[in-house]
Amino acid sequence: MKKFLISISAIFIALIPISSANAETAWRYWSYWQLNDGVWESAMTGPADVKAEDGQVQGWRYITAGIDITADLAPRTDETFESICAGVAAADGIARVAVVVDFGDVTDYSDSADAAAVGKTQTACVEVKAGDPSSVLLSSAFETREESGMVCAVNNLPAAGCGEEVELTDSVDEEILTTTAVDDQVTEETQTDASSYLTLAAALLASVAIVLVIRNKNKN
């Protein structure tokens, strides 16, 4: 009987939801991208280290991200160099570079006024001397605010701050339904009806406790 009680208790404990929180440090900032063979790639260096070449497509997008920068954070546009720089003739010694600016999502801004000002992705065809650092491209077509060579704002978004650090916390509720007291098999019905098993386990515990009390009285 004691072994049975222990087994039932194990099931009861296993059905209790466990809440866990995963915190990740992230930053809100203007990320820098390059379009290569039709695919956006997060630049491995800053724009100051990239030489402007005719036919390039470079992009900036305001994002909230941790260490890993995934492709879904790339600038959002279907435009190409040909569509952005259409009508701009090539010239010797001049690099035509298509610039894409994605202002991100409203959730990327901590200030409600900034969030309300977020607009559509904008593009521009910028002409600079071939070989010039790409850091001059953005400021040639858009109003920028920079600190120590870092782009802090484009067209006054965000209005304040630079590379703001934030903490992303995701709470996860998990229900562990298998223990050594059962056969380590979880059916779909068991997963979707965990609360019913919790109630059943509690009832069984109560019944076993009553039986043990009665038997102890009879022995006495």
N, C-alpha and C. Protein backbone atom coordinates (compact mmCIF):
# COMPACT_ATOMS: atom_id res chain seq x y z
N MET A 1 0.83 -1.21 0.00
CA MET A 1 0.00 0.00 0.00
C MET A 1 0.86 1.26 0.00
N LYS A 2 1.98 1.23 0.76
CA LYS A 2 2.86 2.39 0.80
C LYS A 2 3.47 2.64 -0.57
N LYS A 3 3.85 1.52 -1.27
CA LYS A 3 4.42 1.67 -2.61
C LYS A 3 3.41 2.28 -3.57
N PHE A 4 2.14 1.85 -3.42
CA PHE A 4 1.09 2.38 -4.28
C PHE A 4 0.90 3.87 -4.04
N LEU A 5 0.94 4.25 -2.75
CA LEU A 5 0.78 5.66 -2.39
C LEU A 5 1.92 6.50 -2.96
N ILE A 6 3.15 5.95 -2.91
CA ILE A 6 4.31 6.67 -3.45
C ILE A 6 4.17 6.86 -4.95
N SER A 7 3.67 5.82 -5.66
CA SER A 7 3.51 5.91 -7.10
C SER A 7 2.49 6.97 -7.48
N ILE A 8 1.37 6.95 -6.77
CA ILE A 8 0.33 7.94 -7.04
C ILE A 8 0.86 9.34 -6.76
N SER A 9 1.65 9.50 -5.71
CA SER A 9 2.22 10.80 -5.38
C SER A 9 3.15 11.28 -6.49
N ALA A 10 3.89 10.35 -7.07
CA ALA A 10 4.82 10.70 -8.14
C ALA A 10 4.07 11.25 -9.34
N ILE A 11 2.93 10.60 -9.66
CA ILE A 11 2.12 11.07 -10.77
C ILE A 11 1.57 12.45 -10.48
N PHE A 12 1.11 12.64 -9.24
CA PHE A 12 0.54 13.92 -8.83
C PHE A 12 1.57 15.05 -8.99
N ILE A 13 2.79 14.81 -8.52
CA ILE A 13 3.85 15.82 -8.62
C ILE A 13 4.20 16.09 -10.06
N ALA A 14 4.22 15.04 -10.89
CA ALA A 14 4.62 15.19 -12.29
C ALA A 14 3.65 16.03 -13.09
N LEU A 15 2.40 16.09 -12.62
CA LEU A 15 1.39 16.83 -13.36
C LEU A 15 1.36 18.32 -13.01
N ILE A 16 2.15 18.74 -12.04
CA ILE A 16 2.16 20.15 -11.66
C ILE A 16 2.89 20.95 -12.72
N PRO A 17 2.27 21.99 -13.29
CA PRO A 17 2.92 22.81 -14.32
C PRO A 17 4.18 23.48 -13.77
N ILE A 18 5.23 23.47 -14.55
CA ILE A 18 6.48 24.11 -14.16
C ILE A 18 6.68 25.34 -15.02
N SER A 19 6.84 26.49 -14.39
CA SER A 19 7.03 27.74 -15.13
C SER A 19 8.50 28.10 -15.15
N SER A 20 9.02 28.39 -16.34
CA SER A 20 10.42 28.78 -16.47
C SER A 20 10.51 30.06 -17.26
N ALA A 21 11.50 30.86 -16.95
CA ALA A 21 11.68 32.14 -17.64
C ALA A 21 13.07 32.18 -18.26
N ASN A 22 13.13 32.52 -19.54
CA ASN A 22 14.39 32.63 -20.25
C ASN A 22 14.61 34.09 -20.62
N ALA A 23 15.64 34.68 -20.05
CA ALA A 23 15.93 36.09 -20.31
C ALA A 23 17.09 36.20 -21.29
N GLU A 24 16.97 37.10 -22.22
CA GLU A 24 18.02 37.32 -23.21
C GLU A 24 18.27 38.82 -23.35
N THR A 25 19.55 39.18 -23.31
CA THR A 25 19.90 40.58 -23.49
C THR A 25 19.89 40.91 -24.97
N ALA A 26 19.24 42.00 -25.32
CA ALA A 26 19.15 42.41 -26.72
C ALA A 26 19.38 43.92 -26.81
N TRP A 27 19.45 44.40 -28.04
CA TRP A 27 19.68 45.82 -28.27
C TRP A 27 18.75 46.32 -29.37
N ARG A 28 18.37 47.58 -29.27
CA ARG A 28 17.61 48.24 -30.34
C ARG A 28 18.60 49.12 -31.10
N TYR A 29 18.76 48.86 -32.37
CA TYR A 29 19.77 49.62 -33.12
C TYR A 29 19.54 49.51 -34.63
N TRP A 30 20.27 50.34 -35.37
CA TRP A 30 20.21 50.31 -36.82
C TRP A 30 21.21 49.29 -37.34
N SER A 31 20.70 48.19 -37.85
CA SER A 31 21.55 47.12 -38.39
C SER A 31 21.91 47.41 -39.84
N TYR A 32 23.05 46.93 -40.25
CA TYR A 32 23.58 47.22 -41.58
C TYR A 32 23.64 45.94 -42.42
N TRP A 33 23.11 46.00 -43.65
CA TRP A 33 22.98 44.82 -44.51
C TRP A 33 23.51 45.08 -45.91
N GLN A 34 23.83 43.98 -46.60
CA GLN A 34 24.23 44.05 -48.00
C GLN A 34 23.46 42.99 -48.78
N LEU A 35 23.02 43.37 -49.98
CA LEU A 35 22.27 42.43 -50.82
C LEU A 35 23.25 41.78 -51.80
N ASN A 36 23.44 40.48 -51.66
CA ASN A 36 24.36 39.73 -52.52
C ASN A 36 23.61 38.62 -53.24
N ASP A 37 23.61 38.68 -54.57
CA ASP A 37 22.91 37.68 -55.38
C ASP A 37 21.45 37.53 -54.97
N GLY A 38 20.83 38.65 -54.67
CA GLY A 38 19.41 38.64 -54.32
C GLY A 38 19.10 38.23 -52.90
N VAL A 39 20.13 38.04 -52.06
CA VAL A 39 19.92 37.60 -50.68
C VAL A 39 20.53 38.63 -49.72
N TRP A 40 19.73 39.08 -48.75
CA TRP A 40 20.23 40.01 -47.75
C TRP A 40 21.14 39.29 -46.78
N GLU A 41 22.29 39.89 -46.50
CA GLU A 41 23.23 39.34 -45.54
C GLU A 41 23.64 40.43 -44.56
N SER A 42 23.63 40.07 -43.28
CA SER A 42 24.06 41.02 -42.26
C SER A 42 25.55 41.28 -42.45
N ALA A 43 25.92 42.55 -42.58
CA ALA A 43 27.31 42.89 -42.86
C ALA A 43 28.22 42.50 -41.69
N MET A 44 29.36 41.93 -42.02
CA MET A 44 30.32 41.50 -41.00
C MET A 44 31.18 42.66 -40.51
N THR A 45 31.18 43.75 -41.26
CA THR A 45 31.93 44.95 -40.87
C THR A 45 31.01 46.16 -40.96
N GLY A 46 31.45 47.27 -40.42
CA GLY A 46 30.66 48.48 -40.50
C GLY A 46 30.77 49.10 -41.88
N PRO A 47 29.85 50.01 -42.22
CA PRO A 47 29.86 50.64 -43.54
C PRO A 47 31.14 51.42 -43.84
N ALA A 48 31.84 51.87 -42.81
CA ALA A 48 33.08 52.62 -43.02
C ALA A 48 34.15 51.74 -43.64
N ASP A 49 34.01 50.42 -43.48
CA ASP A 49 35.00 49.48 -43.99
C ASP A 49 34.57 48.85 -45.31
N VAL A 50 33.44 49.29 -45.85
CA VAL A 50 32.95 48.76 -47.13
C VAL A 50 33.07 49.83 -48.20
N LYS A 51 33.80 49.55 -49.26
CA LYS A 51 33.98 50.52 -50.34
C LYS A 51 32.77 50.52 -51.27
N ALA A 52 32.33 51.69 -51.61
CA ALA A 52 31.17 51.84 -52.50
C ALA A 52 31.55 51.42 -53.92
N GLU A 53 30.71 50.56 -54.50
CA GLU A 53 30.93 50.11 -55.87
C GLU A 53 29.64 50.25 -56.66
N ASP A 54 29.76 50.53 -57.92
CA ASP A 54 28.59 50.70 -58.76
C ASP A 54 27.77 49.41 -58.81
N GLY A 55 26.47 49.55 -58.62
CA GLY A 55 25.58 48.39 -58.68
C GLY A 55 25.27 47.74 -57.35
N GLN A 56 25.84 48.24 -56.28
CA GLN A 56 25.58 47.67 -54.96
C GLN A 56 24.18 48.03 -54.46
N VAL A 57 23.67 47.16 -53.55
CA VAL A 57 22.44 47.46 -52.81
C VAL A 57 22.79 47.29 -51.33
N GLN A 58 22.67 48.36 -50.58
CA GLN A 58 22.97 48.31 -49.16
C GLN A 58 21.74 48.75 -48.38
N GLY A 59 21.58 48.17 -47.19
CA GLY A 59 20.38 48.46 -46.43
C GLY A 59 20.62 48.66 -44.95
N TRP A 60 19.71 49.37 -44.33
CA TRP A 60 19.71 49.58 -42.89
C TRP A 60 18.29 49.27 -42.38
N ARG A 61 18.23 48.58 -41.27
CA ARG A 61 16.92 48.33 -40.65
C ARG A 61 17.04 48.47 -39.14
N TYR A 62 16.07 49.16 -38.55
CA TYR A 62 16.03 49.30 -37.09
C TYR A 62 15.43 48.03 -36.51
N ILE A 63 16.18 47.37 -35.62
CA ILE A 63 15.74 46.08 -35.11
C ILE A 63 15.93 45.99 -33.59
N THR A 64 15.32 44.98 -33.02
CA THR A 64 15.57 44.58 -31.64
C THR A 64 16.08 43.16 -31.71
N ALA A 65 17.33 42.95 -31.34
CA ALA A 65 17.91 41.61 -31.51
C ALA A 65 19.02 41.36 -30.50
N GLY A 66 19.27 40.06 -30.28
CA GLY A 66 20.36 39.66 -29.41
C GLY A 66 21.62 39.46 -30.25
N ILE A 67 22.42 38.50 -29.85
CA ILE A 67 23.68 38.26 -30.54
C ILE A 67 23.45 37.71 -31.94
N ASP A 68 22.47 36.81 -32.08
CA ASP A 68 22.20 36.20 -33.38
C ASP A 68 21.29 37.09 -34.22
N ILE A 69 21.75 37.39 -35.43
CA ILE A 69 20.96 38.19 -36.36
C ILE A 69 20.44 37.27 -37.45
N THR A 70 19.14 37.04 -37.47
CA THR A 70 18.55 36.12 -38.43
C THR A 70 18.03 36.85 -39.67
N ALA A 71 17.81 36.06 -40.74
CA ALA A 71 17.41 36.64 -42.02
C ALA A 71 16.08 37.37 -41.96
N ASP A 72 15.22 37.02 -41.02
CA ASP A 72 13.91 37.69 -40.95
C ASP A 72 14.02 39.12 -40.44
N LEU A 73 15.22 39.53 -40.02
CA LEU A 73 15.43 40.90 -39.56
C LEU A 73 16.01 41.79 -40.67
N ALA A 74 16.15 41.24 -41.87
CA ALA A 74 16.71 42.01 -42.98
C ALA A 74 15.73 43.07 -43.46
N PRO A 75 16.23 44.08 -44.17
CA PRO A 75 15.33 45.11 -44.73
C PRO A 75 14.26 44.47 -45.60
N ARG A 76 13.05 44.98 -45.51
CA ARG A 76 11.92 44.39 -46.24
C ARG A 76 11.58 45.23 -47.48
N THR A 77 11.93 44.69 -48.62
CA THR A 77 11.60 45.34 -49.89
C THR A 77 11.78 44.35 -51.03
N ASP A 78 11.00 44.54 -52.07
CA ASP A 78 11.13 43.70 -53.26
C ASP A 78 11.92 44.43 -54.35
N GLU A 79 12.35 45.63 -54.06
CA GLU A 79 13.04 46.42 -55.07
C GLU A 79 14.48 45.93 -55.29
N THR A 80 14.99 46.21 -56.48
CA THR A 80 16.34 45.81 -56.85
C THR A 80 17.16 47.06 -57.20
N PHE A 81 18.41 46.84 -57.51
CA PHE A 81 19.25 47.96 -57.92
C PHE A 81 18.66 48.62 -59.17
N GLU A 82 18.19 47.80 -60.10
CA GLU A 82 17.64 48.32 -61.35
C GLU A 82 16.40 49.19 -61.11
N SER A 83 15.56 48.78 -60.19
CA SER A 83 14.34 49.56 -59.95
C SER A 83 14.62 50.82 -59.14
N ILE A 84 15.56 50.73 -58.20
CA ILE A 84 15.86 51.88 -57.36
C ILE A 84 16.66 52.94 -58.12
N CYS A 85 17.60 52.48 -58.92
CA CYS A 85 18.47 53.42 -59.65
C CYS A 85 18.08 53.58 -61.12
N ALA A 86 16.85 53.24 -61.44
CA ALA A 86 16.37 53.41 -62.81
C ALA A 86 16.46 54.87 -63.21
N GLY A 87 17.02 55.12 -64.39
CA GLY A 87 17.11 56.50 -64.87
C GLY A 87 18.37 57.22 -64.44
N VAL A 88 19.17 56.60 -63.58
CA VAL A 88 20.44 57.21 -63.16
C VAL A 88 21.55 56.59 -63.99
N ALA A 89 22.12 57.36 -64.88
CA ALA A 89 23.11 56.83 -65.82
C ALA A 89 24.46 56.59 -65.14
N ALA A 90 25.16 55.58 -65.62
CA ALA A 90 26.50 55.28 -65.11
C ALA A 90 27.47 56.36 -65.57
N ALA A 91 28.50 56.58 -64.77
CA ALA A 91 29.52 57.58 -65.11
C ALA A 91 30.87 57.09 -64.61
N ASP A 92 31.91 57.44 -65.33
CA ASP A 92 33.26 57.02 -64.95
C ASP A 92 33.63 57.54 -63.56
N GLY A 93 34.12 56.63 -62.75
CA GLY A 93 34.56 57.01 -61.41
C GLY A 93 33.47 57.22 -60.40
N ILE A 94 32.23 57.01 -60.81
CA ILE A 94 31.09 57.20 -59.91
C ILE A 94 30.43 55.87 -59.58
N ALA A 95 30.13 55.67 -58.33
CA ALA A 95 29.43 54.46 -57.89
C ALA A 95 27.98 54.79 -57.59
N ARG A 96 27.09 54.11 -58.28
CA ARG A 96 25.66 54.23 -57.99
C ARG A 96 25.30 53.11 -57.01
N VAL A 97 24.82 53.48 -55.84
CA VAL A 97 24.48 52.49 -54.82
C VAL A 97 23.02 52.66 -54.42
N ALA A 98 22.27 51.57 -54.48
CA ALA A 98 20.88 51.60 -54.05
C ALA A 98 20.83 51.44 -52.53
N VAL A 99 20.20 52.39 -51.88
CA VAL A 99 20.12 52.38 -50.41
C VAL A 99 18.68 52.10 -49.98
N VAL A 100 18.54 51.14 -49.06
CA VAL A 100 17.22 50.75 -48.54
C VAL A 100 17.19 51.03 -47.04
N VAL A 101 16.15 51.71 -46.58
CA VAL A 101 16.01 52.01 -45.15
C VAL A 101 14.66 51.48 -44.66
N ASP A 102 14.73 50.51 -43.75
CA ASP A 102 13.54 49.91 -43.14
C ASP A 102 13.49 50.40 -41.70
N PHE A 103 12.43 51.13 -41.35
CA PHE A 103 12.33 51.73 -40.02
C PHE A 103 11.89 50.75 -38.94
N GLY A 104 11.76 49.48 -39.28
CA GLY A 104 11.42 48.48 -38.28
C GLY A 104 9.94 48.45 -37.95
N ASP A 105 9.62 47.85 -36.81
CA ASP A 105 8.24 47.72 -36.36
C ASP A 105 7.99 48.64 -35.16
N VAL A 106 6.74 48.93 -34.89
CA VAL A 106 6.41 49.80 -33.76
C VAL A 106 6.91 49.21 -32.45
N THR A 107 6.99 47.88 -32.38
CA THR A 107 7.44 47.21 -31.15
C THR A 107 8.93 47.39 -30.91
N ASP A 108 9.65 47.90 -31.91
CA ASP A 108 11.09 48.12 -31.74
C ASP A 108 11.40 49.43 -31.04
N TYR A 109 10.38 50.24 -30.78
CA TYR A 109 10.59 51.56 -30.19
C TYR A 109 10.01 51.61 -28.79
N SER A 110 10.81 52.11 -27.85
CA SER A 110 10.35 52.22 -26.46
C SER A 110 9.49 53.46 -26.26
N ASP A 111 9.66 54.46 -27.13
CA ASP A 111 8.90 55.70 -27.02
C ASP A 111 7.68 55.63 -27.94
N SER A 112 6.51 55.91 -27.40
CA SER A 112 5.27 55.81 -28.18
C SER A 112 5.24 56.81 -29.33
N ALA A 113 5.87 57.96 -29.13
CA ALA A 113 5.91 58.96 -30.20
C ALA A 113 6.74 58.46 -31.37
N ASP A 114 7.84 57.79 -31.08
CA ASP A 114 8.67 57.20 -32.13
C ASP A 114 7.89 56.12 -32.86
N ALA A 115 7.20 55.28 -32.10
CA ALA A 115 6.43 54.18 -32.70
C ALA A 115 5.36 54.71 -33.64
N ALA A 116 4.74 55.82 -33.26
CA ALA A 116 3.68 56.39 -34.08
C ALA A 116 4.22 56.98 -35.38
N ALA A 117 5.52 57.31 -35.39
CA ALA A 117 6.12 57.95 -36.55
C ALA A 117 6.72 56.96 -37.55
N VAL A 118 6.71 55.67 -37.20
CA VAL A 118 7.30 54.66 -38.08
C VAL A 118 6.56 54.62 -39.41
N GLY A 119 7.30 54.71 -40.49
CA GLY A 119 6.68 54.69 -41.82
C GLY A 119 7.15 53.51 -42.65
N LYS A 120 6.82 53.55 -43.92
CA LYS A 120 7.18 52.46 -44.82
C LYS A 120 8.68 52.49 -45.15
N THR A 121 9.16 51.39 -45.64
CA THR A 121 10.54 51.30 -46.09
C THR A 121 10.79 52.30 -47.22
N GLN A 122 11.91 52.99 -47.15
CA GLN A 122 12.26 53.99 -48.15
C GLN A 122 13.53 53.59 -48.89
N THR A 123 13.66 54.05 -50.13
CA THR A 123 14.84 53.74 -50.92
C THR A 123 15.38 55.01 -51.57
N ALA A 124 16.65 54.95 -51.97
CA ALA A 124 17.27 56.08 -52.67
C ALA A 124 18.45 55.56 -53.47
N CYS A 125 18.71 56.21 -54.59
CA CYS A 125 19.88 55.88 -55.40
C CYS A 125 20.93 56.96 -55.12
N VAL A 126 22.02 56.56 -54.52
CA VAL A 126 23.05 57.51 -54.10
C VAL A 126 24.27 57.38 -55.01
N GLU A 127 24.78 58.52 -55.42
CA GLU A 127 25.98 58.55 -56.25
C GLU A 127 27.14 59.14 -55.45
N VAL A 128 28.20 58.35 -55.35
CA VAL A 128 29.40 58.80 -54.65
C VAL A 128 30.62 58.41 -55.48
N LYS A 129 31.75 58.90 -55.10
CA LYS A 129 32.98 58.54 -55.79
C LYS A 129 33.27 57.07 -55.55
N ALA A 130 33.55 56.32 -56.59
CA ALA A 130 33.85 54.90 -56.46
C ALA A 130 35.01 54.70 -55.49
N GLY A 131 34.82 53.78 -54.56
CA GLY A 131 35.86 53.50 -53.57
C GLY A 131 35.69 54.26 -52.28
N ASP A 132 34.76 55.21 -52.25
CA ASP A 132 34.49 55.93 -51.00
C ASP A 132 33.91 54.96 -49.96
N PRO A 133 34.11 55.24 -48.67
CA PRO A 133 33.51 54.37 -47.65
C PRO A 133 31.99 54.47 -47.70
N SER A 134 31.33 53.34 -47.51
CA SER A 134 29.87 53.30 -47.60
C SER A 134 29.19 54.05 -46.46
N SER A 135 29.97 54.50 -45.49
CA SER A 135 29.39 55.24 -44.37
C SER A 135 28.81 56.58 -44.82
N VAL A 136 29.20 57.05 -46.00
CA VAL A 136 28.68 58.33 -46.49
C VAL A 136 27.35 58.17 -47.22
N LEU A 137 26.98 56.93 -47.54
CA LEU A 137 25.78 56.70 -48.34
C LEU A 137 24.50 57.12 -47.63
N LEU A 138 24.34 56.64 -46.41
CA LEU A 138 23.09 56.87 -45.68
C LEU A 138 22.86 58.36 -45.45
N SER A 139 23.89 59.05 -44.99
CA SER A 139 23.75 60.47 -44.69
C SER A 139 23.61 61.33 -45.95
N SER A 140 23.92 60.73 -47.11
CA SER A 140 23.76 61.48 -48.36
C SER A 140 22.30 61.58 -48.78
N ALA A 141 21.48 60.64 -48.33
CA ALA A 141 20.08 60.62 -48.75
C ALA A 141 19.09 60.78 -47.61
N PHE A 142 19.55 60.56 -46.37
CA PHE A 142 18.65 60.63 -45.22
C PHE A 142 19.30 61.47 -44.11
N GLU A 143 18.44 62.00 -43.26
CA GLU A 143 18.95 62.72 -42.09
C GLU A 143 19.39 61.69 -41.06
N THR A 144 20.62 61.79 -40.60
CA THR A 144 21.13 60.81 -39.65
C THR A 144 21.67 61.48 -38.39
N ARG A 145 21.67 60.71 -37.32
CA ARG A 145 22.32 61.11 -36.07
C ARG A 145 23.29 60.00 -35.71
N GLU A 146 24.54 60.36 -35.53
CA GLU A 146 25.57 59.36 -35.28
C GLU A 146 26.38 59.70 -34.04
N GLU A 147 26.89 58.65 -33.40
CA GLU A 147 27.76 58.80 -32.24
C GLU A 147 28.92 57.82 -32.38
N SER A 148 30.12 58.35 -32.38
CA SER A 148 31.33 57.52 -32.48
C SER A 148 31.27 56.59 -33.68
N GLY A 149 30.74 57.09 -34.78
CA GLY A 149 30.68 56.31 -36.00
C GLY A 149 29.52 55.34 -36.08
N MET A 150 28.68 55.30 -35.05
CA MET A 150 27.53 54.41 -35.03
C MET A 150 26.27 55.18 -35.41
N VAL A 151 25.48 54.61 -36.31
CA VAL A 151 24.21 55.24 -36.70
C VAL A 151 23.22 55.07 -35.56
N CYS A 152 22.80 56.18 -34.98
CA CYS A 152 21.87 56.13 -33.85
C CYS A 152 20.43 56.37 -34.29
N ALA A 153 20.25 57.21 -35.32
CA ALA A 153 18.90 57.54 -35.78
C ALA A 153 18.92 57.87 -37.26
N VAL A 154 17.82 57.54 -37.92
CA VAL A 154 17.62 57.89 -39.32
C VAL A 154 16.29 58.61 -39.41
N ASN A 155 16.31 59.81 -40.00
CA ASN A 155 15.11 60.65 -40.05
C ASN A 155 14.48 60.80 -38.66
N ASN A 156 15.36 60.98 -37.68
CA ASN A 156 14.97 61.22 -36.28
C ASN A 156 14.27 60.04 -35.62
N LEU A 157 14.52 58.85 -36.09
CA LEU A 157 14.00 57.65 -35.45
C LEU A 157 15.16 56.73 -35.05
N PRO A 158 15.29 56.47 -33.75
CA PRO A 158 14.53 57.05 -32.65
C PRO A 158 14.99 58.47 -32.35
N ALA A 159 14.15 59.21 -31.66
CA ALA A 159 14.46 60.62 -31.38
C ALA A 159 15.58 60.77 -30.36
N ALA A 160 15.77 59.77 -29.53
CA ALA A 160 16.82 59.82 -28.50
C ALA A 160 17.40 58.43 -28.31
N GLY A 161 18.58 58.40 -27.69
CA GLY A 161 19.21 57.12 -27.40
C GLY A 161 20.05 56.61 -28.56
N CYS A 162 20.84 55.59 -28.24
CA CYS A 162 21.69 55.00 -29.27
C CYS A 162 22.09 53.59 -28.85
N GLY A 163 21.60 52.60 -29.56
CA GLY A 163 21.92 51.23 -29.21
C GLY A 163 21.37 50.84 -27.86
N GLU A 164 20.10 51.17 -27.63
CA GLU A 164 19.46 50.92 -26.33
C GLU A 164 19.44 49.43 -25.98
N GLU A 165 19.88 49.12 -24.77
CA GLU A 165 19.90 47.73 -24.31
C GLU A 165 18.56 47.38 -23.67
N VAL A 166 18.03 46.22 -24.01
CA VAL A 166 16.77 45.76 -23.45
C VAL A 166 16.91 44.30 -23.04
N GLU A 167 16.00 43.84 -22.21
CA GLU A 167 16.00 42.44 -21.79
C GLU A 167 14.71 41.79 -22.24
N LEU A 168 14.85 40.75 -23.05
CA LEU A 168 13.69 40.03 -23.52
C LEU A 168 13.47 38.82 -22.63
N THR A 169 12.27 38.68 -22.08
CA THR A 169 11.96 37.56 -21.20
C THR A 169 10.78 36.80 -21.76
N ASP A 170 10.98 35.50 -21.95
CA ASP A 170 9.92 34.62 -22.43
C ASP A 170 9.59 33.62 -21.34
N SER A 171 8.35 33.64 -20.85
CA SER A 171 7.92 32.67 -19.84
C SER A 171 7.31 31.47 -20.52
N VAL A 172 7.73 30.30 -20.07
CA VAL A 172 7.26 29.06 -20.69
C VAL A 172 6.67 28.17 -19.63
N ASP A 173 5.43 27.74 -19.82
CA ASP A 173 4.80 26.79 -18.91
C ASP A 173 4.88 25.41 -19.53
N GLU A 174 5.44 24.47 -18.77
CA GLU A 174 5.60 23.12 -19.28
C GLU A 174 4.89 22.15 -18.35
N GLU A 175 4.27 21.11 -18.92
CA GLU A 175 3.63 20.06 -18.13
C GLU A 175 4.36 18.76 -18.40
N ILE A 176 5.05 18.26 -17.36
CA ILE A 176 5.77 16.99 -17.50
C ILE A 176 4.79 15.88 -17.15
N LEU A 177 4.48 15.06 -18.12
CA LEU A 177 3.42 14.08 -17.94
C LEU A 177 3.93 12.66 -17.78
N THR A 178 5.23 12.42 -17.90
CA THR A 178 5.76 11.07 -17.80
C THR A 178 6.68 10.97 -16.59
N THR A 179 6.55 9.89 -15.83
CA THR A 179 7.43 9.63 -14.69
C THR A 179 7.73 8.15 -14.64
N THR A 180 8.56 7.74 -13.70
CA THR A 180 8.87 6.32 -13.55
C THR A 180 7.67 5.55 -13.01
N ALA A 181 6.65 6.25 -12.55
CA ALA A 181 5.47 5.57 -12.03
C ALA A 181 4.53 5.12 -13.13
N VAL A 182 4.77 5.58 -14.38
CA VAL A 182 3.94 5.16 -15.49
C VAL A 182 4.84 4.60 -16.57
N ASP A 183 4.31 4.33 -17.73
CA ASP A 183 5.05 3.65 -18.78
C ASP A 183 5.81 4.58 -19.71
N ASP A 184 6.01 5.87 -19.30
CA ASP A 184 6.73 6.83 -20.12
C ASP A 184 6.11 7.00 -21.50
N GLN A 185 4.81 6.86 -21.58
CA GLN A 185 4.09 7.05 -22.83
C GLN A 185 3.06 8.15 -22.64
N VAL A 186 3.07 9.13 -23.50
CA VAL A 186 2.13 10.24 -23.41
C VAL A 186 1.30 10.27 -24.68
N THR A 187 0.02 10.08 -24.54
CA THR A 187 -0.86 10.12 -25.70
C THR A 187 -1.33 11.54 -25.93
N GLU A 188 -1.86 11.81 -27.09
CA GLU A 188 -2.36 13.14 -27.41
C GLU A 188 -3.48 13.53 -26.46
N GLU A 189 -4.29 12.52 -26.09
CA GLU A 189 -5.40 12.80 -25.19
C GLU A 189 -4.88 13.21 -23.82
N THR A 190 -3.79 12.55 -23.37
CA THR A 190 -3.21 12.88 -22.07
C THR A 190 -2.66 14.28 -22.07
N GLN A 191 -2.00 14.68 -23.18
CA GLN A 191 -1.42 16.01 -23.26
C GLN A 191 -2.48 17.11 -23.23
N THR A 192 -3.60 16.86 -23.87
CA THR A 192 -4.63 17.88 -23.98
C THR A 192 -5.57 17.89 -22.79
N ASP A 193 -5.45 16.87 -21.92
CA ASP A 193 -6.38 16.79 -20.79
C ASP A 193 -5.60 16.64 -19.48
N ALA A 194 -4.49 17.37 -19.38
CA ALA A 194 -3.62 17.25 -18.21
C ALA A 194 -4.35 17.64 -16.93
N SER A 195 -5.21 18.64 -17.01
CA SER A 195 -5.91 19.10 -15.82
C SER A 195 -6.81 18.02 -15.24
N SER A 196 -7.39 17.17 -16.10
CA SER A 196 -8.26 16.08 -15.63
C SER A 196 -7.44 15.07 -14.84
N TYR A 197 -6.23 14.77 -15.31
CA TYR A 197 -5.37 13.82 -14.60
C TYR A 197 -4.92 14.39 -13.26
N LEU A 198 -4.71 15.68 -13.23
CA LEU A 198 -4.32 16.30 -11.97
C LEU A 198 -5.42 16.15 -10.94
N THR A 199 -6.64 16.36 -11.37
CA THR A 199 -7.79 16.20 -10.47
C THR A 199 -7.93 14.75 -10.02
N LEU A 200 -7.76 13.82 -10.97
CA LEU A 200 -7.86 12.38 -10.67
C LEU A 200 -6.80 11.96 -9.67
N ALA A 201 -5.58 12.44 -9.86
CA ALA A 201 -4.49 12.07 -8.96
C ALA A 201 -4.77 12.56 -7.55
N ALA A 202 -5.29 13.78 -7.44
CA ALA A 202 -5.61 14.33 -6.13
C ALA A 202 -6.70 13.49 -5.45
N ALA A 203 -7.69 13.09 -6.23
CA ALA A 203 -8.78 12.27 -5.68
C ALA A 203 -8.27 10.91 -5.22
N LEU A 204 -7.40 10.29 -6.00
CA LEU A 204 -6.83 9.00 -5.62
C LEU A 204 -6.02 9.10 -4.34
N LEU A 205 -5.26 10.17 -4.22
CA LEU A 205 -4.48 10.37 -3.00
C LEU A 205 -5.38 10.46 -1.78
N ALA A 206 -6.47 11.20 -1.94
CA ALA A 206 -7.40 11.35 -0.83
C ALA A 206 -8.03 10.00 -0.46
N SER A 207 -8.40 9.21 -1.47
CA SER A 207 -9.02 7.90 -1.23
C SER A 207 -8.07 6.96 -0.52
N VAL A 208 -6.82 6.94 -0.98
CA VAL A 208 -5.82 6.06 -0.36
C VAL A 208 -5.59 6.46 1.09
N ALA A 209 -5.55 7.76 1.35
CA ALA A 209 -5.33 8.23 2.71
C ALA A 209 -6.45 7.78 3.64
N ILE A 210 -7.70 7.85 3.13
CA ILE A 210 -8.87 7.42 3.93
C ILE A 210 -8.79 5.94 4.24
N VAL A 211 -8.43 5.14 3.21
CA VAL A 211 -8.33 3.68 3.40
C VAL A 211 -7.29 3.35 4.45
N LEU A 212 -6.14 4.01 4.39
CA LEU A 212 -5.07 3.75 5.36
C LEU A 212 -5.51 4.09 6.77
N VAL A 213 -6.25 5.18 6.92
CA VAL A 213 -6.72 5.58 8.24
C VAL A 213 -7.68 4.54 8.81
N ILE A 214 -8.61 4.06 7.95
CA ILE A 214 -9.59 3.05 8.41
C ILE A 214 -8.90 1.77 8.82
N ARG A 215 -7.92 1.34 8.00
CA ARG A 215 -7.21 0.09 8.33
C ARG A 215 -6.43 0.22 9.63
N ASN A 216 -5.83 1.35 9.85
CA ASN A 216 -5.09 1.55 11.10
C ASN A 216 -6.02 1.51 12.30
N LYS A 217 -7.24 2.07 12.16
CA LYS A 217 -8.21 2.03 13.24
C LYS A 217 -8.64 0.61 13.54
N ASN A 218 -8.89 -0.19 12.46
CA ASN A 218 -9.33 -1.58 12.62
C ASN A 218 -8.26 -2.41 13.32
N LYS A 219 -7.00 -2.14 12.98
CA LYS A 219 -5.90 -2.87 13.63
C LYS A 219 -5.83 -2.57 15.10
N ASN A 220 -6.11 -1.32 15.40
CA ASN A 220 -6.06 -0.92 16.81
C ASN A 220 -7.29 -1.45 17.58
